[in-house]
Amino acid sequence: MEFTVGRNYANVVIDESSSQRHLSVMVCPDDYQNIRYGGTISLQRATEAEDGYLSYFRKNPLYRERFEDSWVYTSNEKTLAAFVQGDVVYIVMISPKEPLFIKRDACLFDGDFELSRFLIEKTQGTD
């Protein structure tokens, strides 16, 4: 898969081989940081991680499965999920061809937010 993700005020096209790029990721409801892209992470691995947090990119990204495909736009209601672990950000994938979508919501930065519960509810279709 390929993704077009914002870095500061420009867009960067990334794929599995783009591992030293930095992307703009929200770290709290009103601030972002440029964090190194580490590739994709499976939903299961993100759920099992003992550290890290779910977030979203500063600007809504685009994605496509293959180079020949048209770009698919995301929105505030359905944007790509980012998983930040240390100084690396990953795009969360439900399957190799299906990214996890989330709503841009400040509750992700709440101290009581439980990533594993949220991800399980997402995959079961309950919001």
Protein backbone atom coordinates (compact mmCIF):
# COMPACT_ATOMS: atom_id res chain seq x y z
CA MET A 1 0.00 0.00 0.00
CA GLU A 2 0.98 3.61 -0.49
CA PHE A 3 0.01 6.55 1.66
CA THR A 4 0.20 10.31 1.21
CA VAL A 5 0.71 11.85 4.64
CA GLY A 6 1.45 15.41 5.72
CA ARG A 7 4.77 16.60 7.10
CA ASN A 8 4.51 20.16 8.31
CA TYR A 9 2.83 21.89 5.34
CA ALA A 10 3.77 19.46 2.56
CA ASN A 11 2.63 15.96 1.63
CA VAL A 12 4.93 12.94 1.59
CA VAL A 13 4.25 9.71 -0.31
CA ILE A 14 5.28 6.68 1.74
CA ASP A 15 5.26 2.93 1.30
CA GLU A 16 6.88 -0.01 3.08
CA SER A 17 10.38 1.17 2.09
CA SER A 18 9.99 4.73 3.43
CA SER A 19 11.33 4.06 6.88
CA GLN A 20 13.36 7.19 7.52
CA ARG A 21 10.68 9.74 6.66
CA HIS A 22 9.21 11.96 9.37
CA LEU A 23 5.46 12.59 9.46
CA SER A 24 3.34 15.11 11.35
CA VAL A 25 1.39 13.28 14.05
CA MET A 26 -0.92 14.74 16.67
CA VAL A 27 0.54 14.25 20.16
CA CYS A 28 -2.26 16.06 22.01
CA PRO A 29 -5.52 17.67 20.88
CA ASP A 30 -3.86 20.88 19.72
CA ASP A 31 -0.20 20.04 18.98
CA TYR A 32 1.75 17.81 16.64
CA GLN A 33 5.31 16.52 16.25
CA ASN A 34 7.27 15.20 13.30
CA ILE A 35 7.86 11.53 14.12
CA ARG A 36 9.83 8.94 12.15
CA TYR A 37 7.69 6.54 10.10
CA GLY A 38 8.27 2.88 10.94
CA GLY A 39 5.94 1.23 8.44
CA THR A 40 2.67 -0.48 9.17
CA ILE A 41 1.70 -2.42 12.28
CA SER A 42 -0.96 -5.07 12.56
CA LEU A 43 -3.98 -4.40 14.72
CA GLN A 44 -3.04 -7.35 16.91
CA ARG A 45 0.53 -6.12 17.47
CA ALA A 46 -0.69 -2.62 18.34
CA THR A 47 -3.21 -4.07 20.80
CA GLU A 48 -0.58 -6.24 22.47
CA ALA A 49 2.02 -3.46 22.76
CA GLU A 50 2.72 -2.49 26.35
CA ASP A 51 3.61 1.08 25.47
CA GLY A 52 2.54 3.50 22.79
CA TYR A 53 -0.68 5.29 21.99
CA LEU A 54 -3.20 5.65 19.21
CA SER A 55 -3.29 8.94 17.35
CA TYR A 56 -3.91 10.41 13.91
CA PHE A 57 -1.94 12.46 11.43
CA ARG A 58 -1.99 16.25 11.44
CA LYS A 59 -3.65 16.35 8.00
CA ASN A 60 -6.03 13.66 6.75
CA PRO A 61 -3.97 11.25 4.62
CA LEU A 62 -4.73 9.55 1.32
CA TYR A 63 -4.08 5.90 0.54
CA ARG A 64 -4.18 3.40 -2.30
CA GLU A 65 -3.54 -0.30 -2.58
CA ARG A 66 -1.41 -0.21 -5.75
CA PHE A 67 0.42 2.43 -7.75
CA GLU A 68 -2.15 2.10 -10.56
CA ASP A 69 -5.11 2.77 -8.24
CA SER A 70 -6.65 6.17 -7.60
CA TRP A 71 -5.97 7.83 -4.26
CA VAL A 72 -8.71 7.41 -1.64
CA TYR A 73 -9.27 10.47 0.55
CA THR A 74 -9.90 10.26 4.27
CA SER A 75 -11.96 12.65 6.40
CA ASN A 76 -12.26 13.80 10.02
CA GLU A 77 -14.90 11.09 10.53
CA LYS A 78 -12.80 8.34 8.94
CA THR A 79 -9.05 8.88 8.98
CA LEU A 80 -6.09 6.50 9.16
CA ALA A 81 -5.10 5.36 12.64
CA ALA A 82 -1.53 6.10 13.69
CA PHE A 83 0.18 4.18 16.48
CA VAL A 84 3.03 6.02 18.21
CA GLN A 85 5.56 3.91 20.08
CA GLY A 86 8.58 5.77 21.41
CA ASP A 87 9.95 7.94 18.61
CA VAL A 88 8.34 5.94 15.78
CA VAL A 89 4.87 6.14 14.21
CA TYR A 90 3.14 3.25 12.45
CA ILE A 91 -0.03 3.05 10.36
CA VAL A 92 -2.39 0.49 11.93
CA MET A 93 -3.63 -2.20 9.55
CA ILE A 94 -6.57 -4.58 10.07
CA SER A 95 -5.21 -6.75 7.25
CA PRO A 96 -2.39 -6.29 4.71
CA LYS A 97 -4.82 -4.47 2.39
CA GLU A 98 -7.10 -2.74 4.90
CA PRO A 99 -6.04 0.12 7.18
CA LEU A 100 -7.81 0.86 10.46
CA PHE A 101 -9.95 4.00 10.32
CA ILE A 102 -10.77 6.14 13.33
CA LYS A 103 -12.50 9.43 14.01
CA ARG A 104 -10.28 12.43 14.77
CA ASP A 105 -11.18 12.73 18.44
CA ALA A 106 -9.42 14.40 21.37
CA CYS A 107 -10.49 11.51 23.66
CA LEU A 108 -7.52 9.55 22.26
CA PHE A 109 -5.28 11.74 24.41
CA ASP A 110 -7.29 11.21 27.60
CA GLY A 111 -5.29 9.49 30.33
CA ASP A 112 -8.12 6.98 30.85
CA PHE A 113 -8.17 5.92 27.20
CA GLU A 114 -7.62 2.16 26.81
CA LEU A 115 -6.14 1.28 23.42
CA SER A 116 -6.90 -2.44 23.54
CA ARG A 117 -10.57 -1.90 24.44
CA PHE A 118 -10.93 0.76 21.73
CA LEU A 119 -9.38 -1.44 19.04
CA ILE A 120 -11.48 -4.45 19.98
CA GLU A 121 -14.65 -2.33 19.84
CA LYS A 122 -13.61 -0.94 16.47
CA THR A 123 -13.10 -4.36 14.93
CA GLN A 124 -16.43 -5.58 16.30
CA GLY A 125 -18.20 -2.57 14.82
CA THR A 126 -19.30 -0.88 18.05
CA ASP A 127 -18.45 2.78 18.59
